Amino acid sequence: MSAPDPQYRKLSGRSLNWAGLGSLWIGDGYLLEVNSIFFLEWYRRYFLHDAMAFIVQRSKRRSAWCWVLGCVGGFGLLASGGAGWIGYANRKEDWHVALYVLAGIVGFVSIISLILLTINVLLGPSCRCHVLTSTGWHPLSAPNRLGPALRIQAQITPLIEAAQNQMPAPRAGTE
């Protein structure tokens, strides 16, 4: 008779970063981290009875991306407008079409960066999550936004405490 398939429940929040798409799943007595890039997947399992804490730490990643995307978008719109205006002012010249093309390309890139800036602002504050075990801090790839991370922390903390309470107490006289 074969063992039953493990049952998993996906926790809210996932992330997209340089390591791929990350998500957290809760299984029977453990937390499963899944990272995937196209057809490759990596799994890390953290047993709840080994976990000491699930830590959520705010990060400045959101502000850094806001600055980068805002500067690219703002300067891009200024450069696009300037190139378009210079092309319009010199419309009798042969090279004015090149300025229109440049203005269109730079304008498109700047609008995309401003759309990404808006999405970044709407997603909320960024954070980093860690699982603390006896072997050290283990950074998690997901979630990377504060709202989903706090919801996961509220779900995981009672499970960690319950798993630790089920551990057998050490015998007296042994160290």
C-alpha atoms as a PDB file:
ATOM      1  CA  MET A   1       0.000   0.000   0.000  1.00  0.00           C
ATOM      2  CA  SER A   2       1.463   3.353  -0.993  1.00  0.00           C
ATOM      3  CA  ALA A   3       1.681   6.357   1.270  1.00  0.00           C
ATOM      4  CA  PRO A   4      -1.003   9.010   0.760  1.00  0.00           C
ATOM      5  CA  ASP A   5      -0.043  12.093  -1.199  1.00  0.00           C
ATOM      6  CA  PRO A   6       0.814  15.037   1.037  1.00  0.00           C
ATOM      7  CA  GLN A   7      -1.779  17.790   1.191  1.00  0.00           C
ATOM      8  CA  TYR A   8      -0.591  21.354   0.631  1.00  0.00           C
ATOM      9  CA  ARG A   9      -2.336  24.669   1.105  1.00  0.00           C
ATOM     10  CA  LYS A  10      -0.960  27.733  -0.651  1.00  0.00           C
ATOM     11  CA  LEU A  11      -0.361  30.715   1.587  1.00  0.00           C
ATOM     12  CA  SER A  12      -1.169  34.211   0.348  1.00  0.00           C
ATOM     13  CA  GLY A  13       1.534  36.247  -1.246  1.00  0.00           C
ATOM     14  CA  ARG A  14       4.104  35.352  -3.829  1.00  0.00           C
ATOM     15  CA  SER A  15       7.012  37.199  -5.275  1.00  0.00           C
ATOM     16  CA  LEU A  16       8.744  37.821  -8.545  1.00  0.00           C
ATOM     17  CA  ASN A  17      12.439  38.523  -8.181  1.00  0.00           C
ATOM     18  CA  TRP A  18      15.785  37.640  -9.769  1.00  0.00           C
ATOM     19  CA  ALA A  19      15.474  34.070  -8.448  1.00  0.00           C
ATOM     20  CA  GLY A  20      12.167  33.571 -10.267  1.00  0.00           C
ATOM     21  CA  LEU A  21       8.620  33.222  -9.022  1.00  0.00           C
ATOM     22  CA  GLY A  22       8.438  32.241  -5.346  1.00  0.00           C
ATOM     23  CA  SER A  23       5.548  30.987  -3.229  1.00  0.00           C
ATOM     24  CA  LEU A  24       4.940  29.468   0.203  1.00  0.00           C
ATOM     25  CA  TRP A  25       2.876  26.382   0.932  1.00  0.00           C
ATOM     26  CA  ILE A  26       1.915  24.805   4.229  1.00  0.00           C
ATOM     27  CA  GLY A  27       2.016  21.022   4.498  1.00  0.00           C
ATOM     28  CA  ASP A  28       1.461  18.587   7.312  1.00  0.00           C
ATOM     29  CA  GLY A  29       4.004  19.839   9.840  1.00  0.00           C
ATOM     30  CA  TYR A  30       6.209  21.892   7.560  1.00  0.00           C
ATOM     31  CA  LEU A  31       6.479  25.036   5.483  1.00  0.00           C
ATOM     32  CA  LEU A  32       7.418  24.521   1.827  1.00  0.00           C
ATOM     33  CA  GLU A  33       9.098  27.251  -0.226  1.00  0.00           C
ATOM     34  CA  VAL A  34       8.844  26.858  -4.003  1.00  0.00           C
ATOM     35  CA  ASN A  35      10.922  28.898  -6.467  1.00  0.00           C
ATOM     36  CA  SER A  36      10.456  28.425 -10.191  1.00  0.00           C
ATOM     37  CA  ILE A  37      11.980  29.796 -13.367  1.00  0.00           C
ATOM     38  CA  PHE A  38      10.242  28.598 -16.531  1.00  0.00           C
ATOM     39  CA  PHE A  39      10.394  24.797 -16.219  1.00  0.00           C
ATOM     40  CA  LEU A  40      12.889  24.599 -13.311  1.00  0.00           C
ATOM     41  CA  GLU A  41      11.719  24.408  -9.688  1.00  0.00           C
ATOM     42  CA  TRP A  42      13.546  24.484  -6.350  1.00  0.00           C
ATOM     43  CA  TYR A  43      12.017  23.361  -3.072  1.00  0.00           C
ATOM     44  CA  ARG A  44      13.031  24.081   0.521  1.00  0.00           C
ATOM     45  CA  ARG A  45      11.229  22.537   3.459  1.00  0.00           C
ATOM     46  CA  TYR A  46      11.185  23.972   6.976  1.00  0.00           C
ATOM     47  CA  PHE A  47       9.717  21.717   9.648  1.00  0.00           C
ATOM     48  CA  LEU A  48       7.481  23.595  12.047  1.00  0.00           C
ATOM     49  CA  HIS A  49       8.893  21.801  15.104  1.00  0.00           C
ATOM     50  CA  ASP A  50      12.394  23.042  14.132  1.00  0.00           C
ATOM     51  CA  ALA A  51      11.281  26.612  13.474  1.00  0.00           C
ATOM     52  CA  MET A  52      11.726  29.094  16.282  1.00  0.00           C
ATOM     53  CA  ALA A  53      10.161  32.130  14.580  1.00  0.00           C
ATOM     54  CA  PHE A  54       8.752  33.525  11.369  1.00  0.00           C
ATOM     55  CA  ILE A  55      10.218  37.017  11.064  1.00  0.00           C
ATOM     56  CA  VAL A  56       8.935  39.854   8.881  1.00  0.00           C
ATOM     57  CA  GLN A  57      11.321  42.778   8.373  1.00  0.00           C
ATOM     58  CA  ARG A  58      10.453  45.939   6.414  1.00  0.00           C
ATOM     59  CA  SER A  59      12.853  46.814   3.630  1.00  0.00           C
ATOM     60  CA  LYS A  60      13.623  49.889   1.532  1.00  0.00           C
ATOM     61  CA  ARG A  61      13.362  48.034  -1.778  1.00  0.00           C
ATOM     62  CA  ARG A  62      10.065  49.755  -2.641  1.00  0.00           C
ATOM     63  CA  SER A  63      11.535  53.249  -2.107  1.00  0.00           C
ATOM     64  CA  ALA A  64      14.612  52.440  -4.179  1.00  0.00           C
ATOM     65  CA  TRP A  65      12.482  51.211  -7.068  1.00  0.00           C
ATOM     66  CA  CYS A  66      10.221  54.243  -6.743  1.00  0.00           C
ATOM     67  CA  TRP A  67      13.212  56.556  -7.099  1.00  0.00           C
ATOM     68  CA  VAL A  68      14.668  54.644 -10.049  1.00  0.00           C
ATOM     69  CA  LEU A  69      11.390  54.309 -11.939  1.00  0.00           C
ATOM     70  CA  GLY A  70      10.340  57.885 -11.151  1.00  0.00           C
ATOM     71  CA  CYS A  71      13.636  59.343 -12.378  1.00  0.00           C
ATOM     72  CA  VAL A  72      13.625  57.247 -15.554  1.00  0.00           C
ATOM     73  CA  GLY A  73       9.981  58.162 -16.225  1.00  0.00           C
ATOM     74  CA  GLY A  74      10.337  61.871 -15.437  1.00  0.00           C
ATOM     75  CA  PHE A  75      13.587  62.445 -17.313  1.00  0.00           C
ATOM     76  CA  GLY A  76      12.316  60.306 -20.166  1.00  0.00           C
ATOM     77  CA  LEU A  77       9.168  62.390 -20.543  1.00  0.00           C
ATOM     78  CA  LEU A  78      11.237  65.598 -20.475  1.00  0.00           C
ATOM     79  CA  ALA A  79      13.669  64.231 -23.066  1.00  0.00           C
ATOM     80  CA  SER A  80      10.824  62.961 -25.233  1.00  0.00           C
ATOM     81  CA  GLY A  81       9.034  66.290 -25.098  1.00  0.00           C
ATOM     82  CA  GLY A  82      12.253  68.162 -25.851  1.00  0.00           C
ATOM     83  CA  ALA A  83      13.116  65.949 -28.825  1.00  0.00           C
ATOM     84  CA  GLY A  84       9.578  66.279 -30.162  1.00  0.00           C
ATOM     85  CA  TRP A  85       9.641  70.057 -29.785  1.00  0.00           C
ATOM     86  CA  ILE A  86      13.043  70.380 -31.472  1.00  0.00           C
ATOM     87  CA  GLY A  87      11.814  68.129 -34.293  1.00  0.00           C
ATOM     88  CA  TYR A  88       8.698  70.276 -34.699  1.00  0.00           C
ATOM     89  CA  ALA A  89      10.734  73.514 -34.634  1.00  0.00           C
ATOM     90  CA  ASN A  90      13.017  72.161 -37.372  1.00  0.00           C
ATOM     91  CA  ARG A  91      10.342  70.433 -39.466  1.00  0.00           C
ATOM     92  CA  LYS A  92      11.796  71.792 -42.700  1.00  0.00           C
ATOM     93  CA  GLU A  93      15.054  69.912 -42.102  1.00  0.00           C
ATOM     94  CA  ASP A  94      15.579  66.320 -43.272  1.00  0.00           C
ATOM     95  CA  TRP A  95      16.610  65.012 -39.854  1.00  0.00           C
ATOM     96  CA  HIS A  96      13.460  66.088 -37.959  1.00  0.00           C
ATOM     97  CA  VAL A  97      11.899  62.632 -38.500  1.00  0.00           C
ATOM     98  CA  ALA A  98      14.762  61.054 -36.514  1.00  0.00           C
ATOM     99  CA  LEU A  99      13.874  63.295 -33.566  1.00  0.00           C
ATOM    100  CA  TYR A 100      10.237  62.191 -33.798  1.00  0.00           C
ATOM    101  CA  VAL A 101      11.322  58.531 -33.732  1.00  0.00           C
ATOM    102  CA  LEU A 102      13.640  59.216 -30.779  1.00  0.00           C
ATOM    103  CA  ALA A 103      10.859  61.050 -28.949  1.00  0.00           C
ATOM    104  CA  GLY A 104       8.506  58.125 -29.545  1.00  0.00           C
ATOM    105  CA  ILE A 105      10.953  55.489 -28.275  1.00  0.00           C
ATOM    106  CA  VAL A 106      12.015  57.482 -25.196  1.00  0.00           C
ATOM    107  CA  GLY A 107       8.380  58.409 -24.498  1.00  0.00           C
ATOM    108  CA  PHE A 108       7.321  54.747 -24.682  1.00  0.00           C
ATOM    109  CA  VAL A 109      10.075  53.672 -22.254  1.00  0.00           C
ATOM    110  CA  SER A 110       9.206  56.476 -19.844  1.00  0.00           C
ATOM    111  CA  ILE A 111       5.478  55.630 -19.889  1.00  0.00           C
ATOM    112  CA  ILE A 112       6.270  51.964 -19.180  1.00  0.00           C
ATOM    113  CA  SER A 113       8.469  52.996 -16.244  1.00  0.00           C
ATOM    114  CA  LEU A 114       5.703  55.246 -14.874  1.00  0.00           C
ATOM    115  CA  ILE A 115       3.203  52.373 -15.149  1.00  0.00           C
ATOM    116  CA  LEU A 116       5.637  50.145 -13.223  1.00  0.00           C
ATOM    117  CA  LEU A 117       6.049  52.929 -10.654  1.00  0.00           C
ATOM    118  CA  THR A 118       2.280  53.079 -10.160  1.00  0.00           C
ATOM    119  CA  ILE A 119       2.075  49.300  -9.733  1.00  0.00           C
ATOM    120  CA  ASN A 120       4.935  49.380  -7.221  1.00  0.00           C
ATOM    121  CA  VAL A 121       3.223  52.083  -5.166  1.00  0.00           C
ATOM    122  CA  LEU A 122      -0.139  50.273  -5.219  1.00  0.00           C
ATOM    123  CA  LEU A 123       1.374  46.959  -4.056  1.00  0.00           C
ATOM    124  CA  GLY A 124       2.348  48.514  -0.723  1.00  0.00           C
ATOM    125  CA  PRO A 125       5.455  48.453   1.476  1.00  0.00           C
ATOM    126  CA  SER A 126       8.142  45.877   0.795  1.00  0.00           C
ATOM    127  CA  CYS A 127       9.586  43.448   3.314  1.00  0.00           C
ATOM    128  CA  ARG A 128      11.833  40.445   3.780  1.00  0.00           C
ATOM    129  CA  CYS A 129      10.729  37.267   5.487  1.00  0.00           C
ATOM    130  CA  HIS A 130      12.942  34.811   7.368  1.00  0.00           C
ATOM    131  CA  VAL A 131      12.460  31.534   9.157  1.00  0.00           C
ATOM    132  CA  LEU A 132      14.627  31.198  12.250  1.00  0.00           C
ATOM    133  CA  THR A 133      15.707  27.644  13.051  1.00  0.00           C
ATOM    134  CA  SER A 134      18.464  26.185  15.192  1.00  0.00           C
ATOM    135  CA  THR A 135      20.776  26.296  12.164  1.00  0.00           C
ATOM    136  CA  GLY A 136      20.268  30.028  11.592  1.00  0.00           C
ATOM    137  CA  TRP A 137      18.271  32.584   9.624  1.00  0.00           C
ATOM    138  CA  HIS A 138      16.814  31.315   6.377  1.00  0.00           C
ATOM    139  CA  PRO A 139      15.615  34.059   3.994  1.00  0.00           C
ATOM    140  CA  LEU A 140      12.427  33.318   2.090  1.00  0.00           C
ATOM    141  CA  SER A 141      11.804  34.457  -1.455  1.00  0.00           C
ATOM    142  CA  ALA A 142       8.084  35.027  -0.856  1.00  0.00           C
ATOM    143  CA  PRO A 143       6.255  37.111   0.107  1.00  0.00           C
ATOM    144  CA  ASN A 144       8.023  40.407  -0.482  1.00  0.00           C
ATOM    145  CA  ARG A 145       5.164  42.789   0.433  1.00  0.00           C
ATOM    146  CA  LEU A 146       4.174  43.642   3.993  1.00  0.00           C
ATOM    147  CA  GLY A 147       0.421  42.922   3.838  1.00  0.00           C
ATOM    148  CA  PRO A 148       0.655  39.293   2.662  1.00  0.00           C
ATOM    149  CA  ALA A 149       3.672  38.695   4.919  1.00  0.00           C
ATOM    150  CA  LEU A 150       1.770  39.754   8.046  1.00  0.00           C
ATOM    151  CA  ARG A 151      -1.163  37.523   7.047  1.00  0.00           C
ATOM    152  CA  ILE A 152       1.190  34.563   6.613  1.00  0.00           C
ATOM    153  CA  GLN A 153       2.878  35.356   9.923  1.00  0.00           C
ATOM    154  CA  ALA A 154      -0.526  35.328  11.650  1.00  0.00           C
ATOM    155  CA  GLN A 155      -1.251  31.903  10.145  1.00  0.00           C
ATOM    156  CA  ILE A 156       2.174  30.346  10.759  1.00  0.00           C
ATOM    157  CA  THR A 157       2.918  31.521  14.312  1.00  0.00           C
ATOM    158  CA  PRO A 158       0.169  29.420  15.978  1.00  0.00           C
ATOM    159  CA  LEU A 159       1.231  26.386  13.929  1.00  0.00           C
ATOM    160  CA  ILE A 160       4.864  26.804  15.021  1.00  0.00           C
ATOM    161  CA  GLU A 161       3.804  27.133  18.671  1.00  0.00           C
ATOM    162  CA  ALA A 162       1.539  24.084  18.426  1.00  0.00           C
ATOM    163  CA  ALA A 163       4.290  22.003  16.800  1.00  0.00           C
ATOM    164  CA  GLN A 164       6.755  23.007  19.500  1.00  0.00           C
ATOM    165  CA  ASN A 165       4.283  22.127  22.271  1.00  0.00           C
ATOM    166  CA  GLN A 166       3.917  18.624  20.824  1.00  0.00           C
ATOM    167  CA  MET A 167       7.651  17.973  21.086  1.00  0.00           C
ATOM    168  CA  PRO A 168       8.559  15.504  23.844  1.00  0.00           C
ATOM    169  CA  ALA A 169      10.143  17.100  26.902  1.00  0.00           C
ATOM    170  CA  PRO A 170      13.790  16.173  27.590  1.00  0.00           C
ATOM    171  CA  ARG A 171      14.278  13.455  30.180  1.00  0.00           C
ATOM    172  CA  ALA A 172      15.442  14.535  33.610  1.00  0.00           C
ATOM    173  CA  GLY A 173      19.129  14.043  34.291  1.00  0.00           C
ATOM    174  CA  THR A 174      20.216  14.089  30.650  1.00  0.00           C
ATOM    175  CA  GLU A 175      21.970  16.938  28.971  1.00  0.00           C
END
